[in-house]
Amino acid sequence: MVMIARHRLRWRIQHWLEGRLPGLLTCAEFQETLDDYLDGALGGPARMMVDFHIRTCPACRRYVAAYGAVRAAAEGAFCNGSPEADAMALEPVPEELIAAITMARKAETNP
C-alpha cells in the first residue's frame, strides 16, 4: 500500500512540475522525441531536458527501457551480415503465399 501511495505521489509531483516549470517535457512530448534521443540526434539542451524527464518520471523511465529493447531486437532481426541477404529479407511476400494463407485461415474458421 505504501508503494502505491509513493508511486501516485511521485506521478502527481511530476505532472505538477510539468505544468508549472517552463521547459519541462510532458510525457507526450518525451515520447515524441524518443527516437531522436535514442539515435543521438538531439542537441545539448534538448538532450538535457529528456535526461531530466527520464530521471524524474518512473513511467517514462520504464517506457524508454522497453522501447530501447524493442528497437534493438528489430535492428538485429535482419542483420544477416550481407547486404544481399538483408535486401532479400525485405522483399515483398509473394501474392501466391498470401492467397494460400488466406485460404487456409478461411478453411479453419469455416469447417
C-alpha atoms as a PDB file:
ATOM      1  CA  MET A   1       0.000   0.000   0.000  1.00  0.00           C
ATOM      2  CA  VAL A   2       2.835   2.380   0.831  1.00  0.00           C
ATOM      3  CA  MET A   3       4.458   1.660  -2.541  1.00  0.00           C
ATOM      4  CA  ILE A   4       1.252   2.585  -4.374  1.00  0.00           C
ATOM      5  CA  ALA A   5       0.945   5.802  -2.399  1.00  0.00           C
ATOM      6  CA  ARG A   6       4.560   6.739  -3.209  1.00  0.00           C
ATOM      7  CA  HIS A   7       4.023   5.992  -6.878  1.00  0.00           C
ATOM      8  CA  ARG A   8       0.911   8.161  -7.015  1.00  0.00           C
ATOM      9  CA  LEU A   9       2.639  10.970  -5.157  1.00  0.00           C
ATOM     10  CA  ARG A  10       5.653  10.854  -7.461  1.00  0.00           C
ATOM     11  CA  TRP A  11       3.355  10.860 -10.501  1.00  0.00           C
ATOM     12  CA  ARG A  12       1.371  13.826  -9.174  1.00  0.00           C
ATOM     13  CA  ILE A  13       4.540  15.795  -8.425  1.00  0.00           C
ATOM     14  CA  GLN A  14       5.896  15.089 -11.913  1.00  0.00           C
ATOM     15  CA  HIS A  15       2.750  16.358 -13.601  1.00  0.00           C
ATOM     16  CA  TRP A  16       2.526  19.355 -11.289  1.00  0.00           C
ATOM     17  CA  LEU A  17       6.095  20.302 -12.226  1.00  0.00           C
ATOM     18  CA  GLU A  18       5.404  19.851 -15.936  1.00  0.00           C
ATOM     19  CA  GLY A  19       2.550  22.317 -15.759  1.00  0.00           C
ATOM     20  CA  ARG A  20       4.362  24.985 -13.780  1.00  0.00           C
ATOM     21  CA  LEU A  21       8.007  24.979 -14.809  1.00  0.00           C
ATOM     22  CA  PRO A  22       8.721  26.153 -18.341  1.00  0.00           C
ATOM     23  CA  GLY A  23      10.941  23.922 -20.385  1.00  0.00           C
ATOM     24  CA  LEU A  24       9.976  20.632 -18.764  1.00  0.00           C
ATOM     25  CA  LEU A  25       8.738  17.933 -21.076  1.00  0.00           C
ATOM     26  CA  THR A  26       5.374  16.309 -20.690  1.00  0.00           C
ATOM     27  CA  CYS A  27       5.217  12.544 -21.118  1.00  0.00           C
ATOM     28  CA  ALA A  28       3.678  13.019 -24.577  1.00  0.00           C
ATOM     29  CA  GLU A  29       6.476  15.399 -25.636  1.00  0.00           C
ATOM     30  CA  PHE A  30       9.009  12.955 -24.249  1.00  0.00           C
ATOM     31  CA  GLN A  31       7.597  10.133 -26.373  1.00  0.00           C
ATOM     32  CA  GLU A  32       7.709  12.343 -29.483  1.00  0.00           C
ATOM     33  CA  THR A  33      11.450  12.956 -29.007  1.00  0.00           C
ATOM     34  CA  LEU A  34      12.374   9.416 -28.001  1.00  0.00           C
ATOM     35  CA  ASP A  35      13.597   8.217 -31.405  1.00  0.00           C
ATOM     36  CA  ASP A  36      15.864  11.249 -31.811  1.00  0.00           C
ATOM     37  CA  TYR A  37      17.110  10.768 -28.245  1.00  0.00           C
ATOM     38  CA  LEU A  38      17.977   7.105 -28.786  1.00  0.00           C
ATOM     39  CA  ASP A  39      19.593   7.910 -32.158  1.00  0.00           C
ATOM     40  CA  GLY A  40      21.769  10.596 -30.524  1.00  0.00           C
ATOM     41  CA  ALA A  41      20.268  13.275 -32.772  1.00  0.00           C
ATOM     42  CA  LEU A  42      19.227  15.722 -30.023  1.00  0.00           C
ATOM     43  CA  GLY A  43      21.308  18.782 -29.252  1.00  0.00           C
ATOM     44  CA  GLY A  44      22.630  19.618 -25.788  1.00  0.00           C
ATOM     45  CA  PRO A  45      19.657  21.456 -24.217  1.00  0.00           C
ATOM     46  CA  ALA A  46      17.048  19.105 -25.695  1.00  0.00           C
ATOM     47  CA  ARG A  47      19.031  16.060 -24.576  1.00  0.00           C
ATOM     48  CA  MET A  48      19.305  17.501 -21.061  1.00  0.00           C
ATOM     49  CA  MET A  49      15.522  18.008 -20.940  1.00  0.00           C
ATOM     50  CA  VAL A  50      14.922  14.400 -21.979  1.00  0.00           C
ATOM     51  CA  ASP A  51      17.517  13.151 -19.468  1.00  0.00           C
ATOM     52  CA  PHE A  52      15.813  15.141 -16.709  1.00  0.00           C
ATOM     53  CA  HIS A  53      12.411  13.742 -17.661  1.00  0.00           C
ATOM     54  CA  ILE A  54      13.759  10.189 -17.589  1.00  0.00           C
ATOM     55  CA  ARG A  55      15.273  10.758 -14.138  1.00  0.00           C
ATOM     56  CA  THR A  56      12.075  12.227 -12.712  1.00  0.00           C
ATOM     57  CA  CYS A  57       9.358  10.137 -14.368  1.00  0.00           C
ATOM     58  CA  PRO A  58       9.358   6.443 -13.435  1.00  0.00           C
ATOM     59  CA  ALA A  59       6.742   5.573 -16.060  1.00  0.00           C
ATOM     60  CA  CYS A  60       8.816   7.076 -18.875  1.00  0.00           C
ATOM     61  CA  ARG A  61      11.986   5.511 -17.474  1.00  0.00           C
ATOM     62  CA  ARG A  62      10.343   2.080 -17.823  1.00  0.00           C
ATOM     63  CA  TYR A  63       8.987   3.067 -21.247  1.00  0.00           C
ATOM     64  CA  VAL A  64      12.410   4.073 -22.603  1.00  0.00           C
ATOM     65  CA  ALA A  65      13.964   0.829 -21.352  1.00  0.00           C
ATOM     66  CA  ALA A  66      11.282  -1.282 -23.038  1.00  0.00           C
ATOM     67  CA  TYR A  67      11.303   0.821 -26.208  1.00  0.00           C
ATOM     68  CA  GLY A  68      15.083   0.582 -26.459  1.00  0.00           C
ATOM     69  CA  ALA A  69      14.925  -3.203 -26.117  1.00  0.00           C
ATOM     70  CA  VAL A  70      12.320  -3.441 -28.882  1.00  0.00           C
ATOM     71  CA  ARG A  71      14.392  -1.222 -31.166  1.00  0.00           C
ATOM     72  CA  ALA A  72      17.476  -3.333 -30.551  1.00  0.00           C
ATOM     73  CA  ALA A  73      15.558  -6.518 -31.334  1.00  0.00           C
ATOM     74  CA  ALA A  74      14.117  -5.018 -34.516  1.00  0.00           C
ATOM     75  CA  GLU A  75      17.514  -3.778 -35.673  1.00  0.00           C
ATOM     76  CA  GLY A  76      19.007  -7.225 -35.209  1.00  0.00           C
ATOM     77  CA  ALA A  77      16.170  -9.039 -36.938  1.00  0.00           C
ATOM     78  CA  PHE A  78      17.515  -8.605 -40.475  1.00  0.00           C
ATOM     79  CA  CYS A  79      21.229  -8.352 -39.827  1.00  0.00           C
ATOM     80  CA  ASN A  80      22.481 -11.391 -41.716  1.00  0.00           C
ATOM     81  CA  GLY A  81      25.885  -9.926 -42.446  1.00  0.00           C
ATOM     82  CA  SER A  82      25.458  -9.294 -46.160  1.00  0.00           C
ATOM     83  CA  PRO A  83      23.509  -6.520 -47.897  1.00  0.00           C
ATOM     84  CA  GLU A  84      22.124  -9.037 -50.414  1.00  0.00           C
ATOM     85  CA  ALA A  85      20.624 -11.221 -47.682  1.00  0.00           C
ATOM     86  CA  ASP A  86      19.124  -8.179 -45.949  1.00  0.00           C
ATOM     87  CA  ALA A  87      17.592  -6.993 -49.231  1.00  0.00           C
ATOM     88  CA  MET A  88      16.077 -10.432 -49.868  1.00  0.00           C
ATOM     89  CA  ALA A  89      14.581 -10.489 -46.358  1.00  0.00           C
ATOM     90  CA  LEU A  90      12.829  -7.199 -47.062  1.00  0.00           C
ATOM     91  CA  GLU A  91      11.392  -8.215 -50.443  1.00  0.00           C
ATOM     92  CA  PRO A  92       7.591  -8.286 -50.668  1.00  0.00           C
ATOM     93  CA  VAL A  93       5.838 -11.513 -49.816  1.00  0.00           C
ATOM     94  CA  PRO A  94       4.672 -13.365 -52.970  1.00  0.00           C
ATOM     95  CA  GLU A  95       0.971 -12.971 -53.746  1.00  0.00           C
ATOM     96  CA  GLU A  96       0.587 -16.743 -54.042  1.00  0.00           C
ATOM     97  CA  LEU A  97       1.737 -17.199 -50.453  1.00  0.00           C
ATOM     98  CA  ILE A  98      -0.682 -14.541 -49.193  1.00  0.00           C
ATOM     99  CA  ALA A  99      -3.543 -16.193 -51.073  1.00  0.00           C
ATOM    100  CA  ALA A 100      -2.646 -19.633 -49.675  1.00  0.00           C
ATOM    101  CA  ILE A 101      -2.511 -18.304 -46.108  1.00  0.00           C
ATOM    102  CA  THR A 102      -5.831 -16.509 -46.553  1.00  0.00           C
ATOM    103  CA  MET A 103      -7.500 -19.649 -47.916  1.00  0.00           C
ATOM    104  CA  ALA A 104      -6.100 -21.761 -45.080  1.00  0.00           C
ATOM    105  CA  ARG A 105      -7.378 -19.318 -42.461  1.00  0.00           C
ATOM    106  CA  LYS A 106     -10.824 -19.237 -44.054  1.00  0.00           C
ATOM    107  CA  ALA A 107     -10.890 -23.040 -44.068  1.00  0.00           C
ATOM    108  CA  GLU A 108     -10.018 -23.059 -40.333  1.00  0.00           C
ATOM    109  CA  THR A 109     -12.831 -20.657 -39.424  1.00  0.00           C
ATOM    110  CA  ASN A 110     -15.435 -22.262 -41.729  1.00  0.00           C
ATOM    111  CA  PRO A 111     -15.001 -26.050 -41.430  1.00  0.00           C
END
